[in-house]
Protein backbone atom coordinates (compact mmCIF):
# COMPACT_ATOMS: atom_id res chain seq x y z
CA UNK A 1 -0.80 -9.76 11.38
CA UNK A 2 0.17 -7.29 8.66
CA UNK A 3 -2.49 -8.62 6.30
CA UNK A 4 -5.14 -8.22 9.01
CA UNK A 5 -4.11 -4.62 9.69
CA UNK A 6 -4.05 -3.84 5.97
CA UNK A 7 -7.48 -5.42 5.52
CA UNK A 8 -8.86 -3.33 8.38
CA UNK A 9 -7.27 -0.22 6.86
CA UNK A 10 -8.96 -0.86 3.52
CA UNK A 11 -12.31 -1.47 5.21
CA UNK A 12 -12.06 1.79 7.15
CA UNK A 13 -11.08 3.68 4.00
CA UNK A 14 -14.08 2.25 2.19
CA UNK A 15 -16.48 3.14 4.99
CA UNK A 16 -15.07 6.66 5.24
CA UNK A 17 -15.26 7.32 1.50
CA UNK A 18 -18.80 5.93 1.34
CA UNK A 19 -19.94 8.22 4.15
CA UNK A 20 -18.16 11.16 2.51
CA UNK A 21 -19.85 10.41 -0.83
CA UNK A 22 -23.25 10.28 0.89
CA UNK A 23 -22.58 13.64 2.53
CA UNK A 24 -21.53 15.17 -0.79
CA UNK A 25 -24.61 13.78 -2.52
CA UNK A 26 -26.96 15.17 0.12
CA UNK A 27 -25.20 18.56 -0.06
CA UNK A 28 -25.46 18.62 -3.84
CA UNK A 29 -29.09 17.55 -3.99
CA UNK A 30 -30.66 19.74 -1.32
CA UNK A 31 -28.88 22.98 -0.32
CA UNK A 32 -26.75 23.40 -3.44
CA UNK A 33 -29.75 23.09 -5.75
CA UNK A 34 -31.54 25.72 -3.66
CA UNK A 35 -28.63 28.05 -4.45
CA UNK A 36 -27.33 28.36 -0.93
CA UNK A 37 -23.86 29.84 -1.03
CA UNK A 38 -22.42 27.88 1.91
CA UNK A 39 -23.13 24.60 0.11
CA UNK A 40 -20.86 25.59 -2.78
CA UNK A 41 -18.03 26.26 -0.35
CA UNK A 42 -18.72 23.01 1.51
CA UNK A 43 -18.54 21.06 -1.75
CA UNK A 44 -14.91 22.18 -2.10
CA UNK A 45 -14.11 19.37 0.34
CA UNK A 46 -14.68 16.82 -2.42
CA UNK A 47 -11.79 17.88 -4.71
CA UNK A 48 -9.58 18.53 -1.69
CA UNK A 49 -10.10 15.02 -0.33
CA UNK A 50 -9.61 13.37 -3.73
CA UNK A 51 -6.49 15.46 -4.34
CA UNK A 52 -5.07 14.53 -0.95
CA UNK A 53 -5.70 10.83 -1.49
CA UNK A 54 -4.18 11.03 -4.99
CA UNK A 55 -1.12 12.86 -3.70
CA UNK A 56 -0.59 10.33 -0.94
CA UNK A 57 -1.08 7.29 -3.18
CA UNK A 58 1.15 8.65 -5.95
CA UNK A 59 3.82 9.52 -3.38
CA UNK A 60 3.72 5.92 -2.17
CA UNK A 61 3.73 4.74 -5.83
CA UNK A 62 0.28 3.12 -5.83
CA UNK A 63 -1.26 2.80 -9.29
CA UNK A 64 -4.72 3.56 -7.84
CA UNK A 65 -3.52 7.11 -7.26
CA UNK A 66 -4.22 7.88 -10.90
CA UNK A 67 -7.89 7.03 -10.37
CA UNK A 68 -8.10 9.54 -7.54
CA UNK A 69 -6.17 12.06 -9.63
CA UNK A 70 -8.85 11.71 -12.32
CA UNK A 71 -11.57 12.12 -9.69
CA UNK A 72 -9.78 15.22 -8.43
CA UNK A 73 -9.70 16.79 -11.90
CA UNK A 74 -13.34 15.93 -12.64
CA UNK A 75 -14.59 17.22 -9.29
CA UNK A 76 -12.47 20.37 -9.59
CA UNK A 77 -13.92 21.13 -13.02
CA UNK A 78 -17.42 20.44 -11.70
CA UNK A 79 -17.01 22.81 -8.77
CA UNK A 80 -15.47 25.59 -10.89
CA UNK A 81 -18.17 25.69 -13.58
CA UNK A 82 -20.70 27.71 -11.53
CA UNK A 83 -18.08 29.95 -9.84
CA UNK A 84 -19.58 33.22 -11.13
CA UNK A 85 -22.92 32.39 -9.56
CA UNK A 86 -21.49 32.03 -6.05
CA UNK A 87 -18.84 34.76 -5.89
């Protein structure tokens, strides 16, 4: 029973992160490239989600938390590079 629940949890996490990645890609390719200011603020969700997942996994002592920590740092750097253009 526990293995079935854990398997379902992993499947839901995978589906959620895939949908979130598709949303981020569409935001980055269409409105962000047009220079729309709201898209830059919306893209802040990406580092926030990766940081939250990393924090939770590292708190629970999962080794995969370091992967999400790296994704958090990379996405944070990527979102901060054009900060002068949007503020």
